[in-house]
Amino acid sequence: MTERRPYPSDLSDARWELIEPVLTDWRAERRSRALNIGRPPKHDLRTILDAILYVDRTGVQWRYLPHDFPPWETVYGYSAKWEKDGVFAQLSGLLRSLLREHEGRNAEPSACLIDAQSVKTSTSVPATSQGTDAGKKIVGRKRSIVTDTLGLLLAGARAPGRTPAVTPFDAVVCRGRQGGVARAGAGVCRPSAGRTEGSRRAGGGMRPWRPPGTLARRRCWPGAGG
């Protein structure tokens, strides 16, 4: 079979080297659970991921995936399994940690920023999936994000209208060097300088902090759609 020409969305060798162990371990673990029964995998994991990145980058429907990739049903199946098994979240956390260390930060953030935004939807969107934000006079959905202070995404959610999109944020906490914890919904938080080591006040050790522009920059990244 002729080797396909690369697309701009394809992974570079250096990027693939970073994430290849995660995907290889995932495939090996699934094969072990199946007792290695059945046909061996036919498609290369890197090609599968390149196909997923192509769809993500171009926005084409799965059925319109170019023929030089594996069948769209196969690619979609891998994408759904990786989403269900938390592989994408694992890769996101890995790359975020590497980037933070490259910037001279700790791998895990000690502060997070939480914000929400009301987004208009089209008239073809089902009414059950949207609502009305009376304060901003917007009919659509509310989307929320949690980032670190570099603007790197920690979590995201969307909900109809004025409904707070907090479900994924229940597990997102900001942990200070002294062990302080502030739950999502606190707005912006960072460790309090007055917190003494060994203190165990529930939910304490955090104070409001507003670094300029971080969330504003992060807001430019999502698409315009709800």
Protein backbone atom coordinates (compact mmCIF):
# COMPACT_ATOMS: atom_id res chain seq x y z
CA MET A 1 0.00 0.00 0.00
CA THR A 2 1.35 3.41 -0.97
CA GLU A 3 2.25 5.62 2.01
CA ARG A 4 -0.14 8.54 2.24
CA ARG A 5 1.00 12.13 1.96
CA PRO A 6 0.97 13.95 5.32
CA TYR A 7 -1.68 16.52 6.22
CA PRO A 8 -0.93 19.74 8.14
CA SER A 9 -2.87 18.33 11.11
CA ASP A 10 -0.64 15.23 11.39
CA LEU A 11 1.48 14.73 14.48
CA SER A 12 5.18 15.42 14.24
CA ASP A 13 7.60 12.69 15.28
CA ALA A 14 8.49 14.61 18.44
CA ARG A 15 4.85 15.00 19.49
CA TRP A 16 4.06 11.38 18.76
CA GLU A 17 7.01 10.31 20.91
CA LEU A 18 5.45 12.12 23.88
CA ILE A 19 2.01 10.50 23.68
CA GLU A 20 2.75 7.12 22.08
CA PRO A 21 3.33 5.31 25.44
CA VAL A 22 -0.15 6.31 26.67
CA LEU A 23 -1.92 4.91 23.62
CA THR A 24 0.24 1.80 23.48
CA ASP A 25 -0.48 1.03 27.14
CA TRP A 26 -4.21 1.57 26.53
CA ARG A 27 -4.24 -0.91 23.65
CA ALA A 28 -2.20 -3.48 25.60
CA GLU A 29 -4.52 -3.19 28.60
CA ARG A 30 -7.62 -3.74 26.47
CA ARG A 31 -6.01 -6.72 24.74
CA SER A 32 -5.12 -8.26 28.11
CA ARG A 33 -8.70 -7.87 29.34
CA ALA A 34 -9.86 -9.72 26.22
CA LEU A 35 -7.27 -12.45 26.93
CA ASN A 36 -5.71 -11.62 23.54
CA ILE A 37 -8.62 -13.37 21.84
CA GLY A 38 -9.59 -12.18 18.39
CA ARG A 39 -7.81 -10.63 15.47
CA PRO A 40 -4.75 -8.49 16.19
CA PRO A 41 -5.16 -4.74 15.64
CA LYS A 42 -4.99 -3.88 11.95
CA HIS A 43 -4.43 -0.12 12.08
CA ASP A 44 -1.53 1.89 13.48
CA LEU A 45 -2.41 4.03 16.50
CA ARG A 46 -0.58 7.05 15.10
CA THR A 47 -2.64 6.90 11.91
CA ILE A 48 -5.83 6.64 13.96
CA LEU A 49 -4.88 9.70 16.00
CA ASP A 50 -3.90 11.62 12.85
CA ALA A 51 -7.37 10.89 11.45
CA ILE A 52 -9.04 12.16 14.64
CA LEU A 53 -6.92 15.32 14.53
CA TYR A 54 -7.89 15.80 10.88
CA VAL A 55 -11.59 15.74 11.80
CA ASP A 56 -11.00 18.04 14.76
CA ARG A 57 -8.95 20.51 12.71
CA THR A 58 -11.11 20.65 9.57
CA GLY A 59 -14.54 20.07 11.11
CA VAL A 60 -15.60 17.55 8.45
CA GLN A 61 -18.18 14.88 9.25
CA TRP A 62 -16.85 11.43 10.07
CA ARG A 63 -18.24 9.99 6.84
CA TYR A 64 -16.22 12.53 4.83
CA LEU A 65 -12.89 11.36 6.22
CA PRO A 66 -10.41 10.99 3.31
CA HIS A 67 -9.94 7.48 1.99
CA ASP A 68 -6.22 7.41 2.75
CA PHE A 69 -7.13 7.16 6.46
CA PRO A 70 -8.60 4.01 8.03
CA PRO A 71 -12.39 3.58 7.61
CA TRP A 72 -14.34 6.30 9.35
CA GLU A 73 -16.21 3.74 11.46
CA THR A 74 -12.88 2.51 12.85
CA VAL A 75 -11.61 6.02 13.56
CA TYR A 76 -14.88 7.04 15.23
CA GLY A 77 -14.85 3.86 17.30
CA TYR A 78 -11.38 4.61 18.64
CA SER A 79 -12.35 8.22 19.35
CA ALA A 80 -15.43 7.14 21.31
CA LYS A 81 -13.46 4.54 23.30
CA TRP A 82 -10.68 6.99 24.13
CA GLU A 83 -13.24 9.53 25.29
CA LYS A 84 -15.03 6.95 27.44
CA ASP A 85 -11.82 5.54 28.93
CA GLY A 86 -10.41 8.99 29.75
CA VAL A 87 -7.50 8.73 27.32
CA PHE A 88 -7.99 12.24 25.95
CA ALA A 89 -8.13 13.66 29.48
CA GLN A 90 -4.95 11.74 30.33
CA LEU A 91 -3.16 13.11 27.26
CA SER A 92 -4.34 16.63 28.05
CA GLY A 93 -3.02 16.36 31.60
CA LEU A 94 0.30 14.95 30.40
CA LEU A 95 0.88 17.70 27.84
CA ARG A 96 -0.26 20.38 30.31
CA SER A 97 2.25 19.15 32.90
CA LEU A 98 5.07 19.09 30.34
CA LEU A 99 4.28 22.62 29.19
CA ARG A 100 4.08 23.93 32.75
CA GLU A 101 7.47 22.41 33.56
CA HIS A 102 8.86 23.93 30.36
CA GLU A 103 7.64 27.32 31.61
CA GLY A 104 9.40 26.80 34.93
CA ARG A 105 6.24 25.96 36.88
CA ASN A 106 5.27 22.97 38.99
CA ALA A 107 3.65 20.16 37.02
CA GLU A 108 0.39 20.55 38.99
CA PRO A 109 -1.18 24.04 39.26
CA SER A 110 -1.53 25.68 42.67
CA ALA A 111 -4.19 28.13 41.45
CA CYS A 112 -7.06 27.99 38.99
CA LEU A 113 -9.42 30.41 37.29
CA ILE A 114 -13.12 29.73 36.73
CA ASP A 115 -15.36 31.67 34.37
CA ALA A 116 -18.66 31.26 32.49
CA GLN A 117 -20.02 32.73 29.28
CA SER A 118 -23.48 32.79 27.66
CA VAL A 119 -23.37 31.84 23.96
CA LYS A 120 -26.11 32.27 21.37
CA THR A 121 -27.36 29.21 19.52
CA SER A 122 -29.04 28.87 16.12
CA THR A 123 -32.79 28.47 15.63
CA SER A 124 -32.31 24.82 14.64
CA VAL A 125 -30.98 23.84 18.08
CA PRO A 126 -33.51 21.81 20.15
CA ALA A 127 -35.24 23.94 22.75
CA THR A 128 -34.49 21.39 25.48
CA SER A 129 -30.75 21.97 25.05
CA GLN A 130 -30.85 25.76 25.41
CA GLY A 131 -32.27 28.38 27.73
CA THR A 132 -32.49 32.13 28.33
CA ASP A 133 -29.99 34.28 30.16
CA ALA A 134 -32.31 37.13 31.14
CA GLY A 135 -29.48 39.25 32.49
CA LYS A 136 -27.62 39.28 29.16
CA LYS A 137 -30.75 38.79 27.03
CA ILE A 138 -29.22 35.78 25.29
CA VAL A 139 -31.04 32.64 24.20
CA GLY A 140 -28.53 29.83 24.06
CA ARG A 141 -26.20 27.89 26.32
CA LYS A 142 -23.86 28.74 29.16
CA ARG A 143 -20.35 27.35 28.88
CA SER A 144 -17.79 27.36 31.64
CA ILE A 145 -14.08 26.67 31.84
CA VAL A 146 -11.45 26.13 34.49
CA THR A 147 -7.85 27.02 33.57
CA ASP A 148 -4.56 27.37 35.32
CA THR A 149 -2.84 30.76 35.42
CA LEU A 150 -1.14 30.05 32.08
CA GLY A 151 -4.54 29.66 30.43
CA LEU A 152 -4.19 25.88 30.03
CA LEU A 153 -7.55 24.12 30.20
CA LEU A 154 -8.34 22.01 33.27
CA ALA A 155 -12.06 21.37 32.67
CA GLY A 156 -15.00 22.60 30.63
CA ALA A 157 -18.78 22.23 30.52
CA ARG A 158 -21.89 23.68 28.96
CA ALA A 159 -25.51 23.88 30.11
CA PRO A 160 -28.79 25.49 28.93
CA GLY A 161 -29.33 29.19 29.59
CA ARG A 162 -28.63 30.37 33.13
CA THR A 163 -28.05 26.86 34.47
CA PRO A 164 -24.58 26.78 36.06
CA ALA A 165 -22.38 24.40 34.09
CA VAL A 166 -20.59 23.04 37.16
CA THR A 167 -20.96 19.26 36.92
CA PRO A 168 -17.38 18.50 35.77
CA PHE A 169 -16.01 21.09 38.18
CA ASP A 170 -17.07 19.25 41.34
CA ALA A 171 -13.84 17.25 41.11
CA VAL A 172 -11.66 20.24 40.17
CA VAL A 173 -9.88 21.73 43.14
CA CYS A 174 -7.04 24.20 43.54
CA ARG A 175 -4.38 22.78 45.83
CA GLY A 176 -1.88 25.16 47.40
CA ARG A 177 1.63 24.26 48.46
CA GLN A 178 0.41 24.26 52.08
CA GLY A 179 -2.40 21.86 51.25
CA GLY A 180 -5.19 24.40 50.96
CA VAL A 181 -8.22 23.48 48.86
CA ALA A 182 -10.85 25.68 47.19
CA ARG A 183 -13.67 24.05 45.25
CA ALA A 184 -14.89 25.06 41.81
CA GLY A 185 -17.41 27.85 41.95
CA ALA A 186 -15.11 29.99 44.08
CA GLY A 187 -14.24 32.13 41.06
CA VAL A 188 -10.50 32.72 41.08
CA CYS A 189 -8.34 31.32 43.82
CA ARG A 190 -4.75 30.94 44.90
CA PRO A 191 -3.01 29.85 48.15
CA SER A 192 -3.26 32.36 50.97
CA ALA A 193 0.08 33.67 52.19
CA GLY A 194 -1.24 33.59 55.76
CA ARG A 195 -1.93 29.85 55.72
CA THR A 196 0.41 27.98 58.06
CA GLU A 197 1.71 24.55 57.24
CA GLY A 198 -0.28 21.84 58.99
CA SER A 199 -3.50 23.85 59.15
CA ARG A 200 -6.54 21.73 58.28
CA ARG A 201 -9.40 24.22 57.96
CA ALA A 202 -11.92 22.72 55.51
CA GLY A 203 -11.85 24.62 52.26
CA GLY A 204 -9.53 27.23 53.71
CA GLY A 205 -6.19 28.57 52.65
CA MET A 206 -7.37 30.36 49.50
CA ARG A 207 -7.96 34.00 48.71
CA PRO A 208 -9.40 35.74 45.61
CA TRP A 209 -6.87 36.70 42.97
CA ARG A 210 -7.39 38.14 39.50
CA PRO A 211 -4.40 37.93 37.14
CA PRO A 212 -5.19 40.16 34.17
CA GLY A 213 -6.07 38.75 30.78
CA THR A 214 -5.57 35.01 31.31
CA LEU A 215 -9.20 33.96 30.86
CA ALA A 216 -9.75 36.63 28.23
CA ARG A 217 -7.03 35.03 26.13
CA ARG A 218 -8.39 31.53 26.76
CA ARG A 219 -11.85 32.69 25.59
CA CYS A 220 -10.48 33.29 22.11
CA TRP A 221 -9.78 29.57 21.61
CA PRO A 222 -13.25 27.88 21.61
CA GLY A 223 -15.35 28.05 18.44
CA ALA A 224 -18.20 30.52 18.15
CA GLY A 225 -20.87 27.80 18.31
CA GLY A 226 -22.64 26.72 21.50
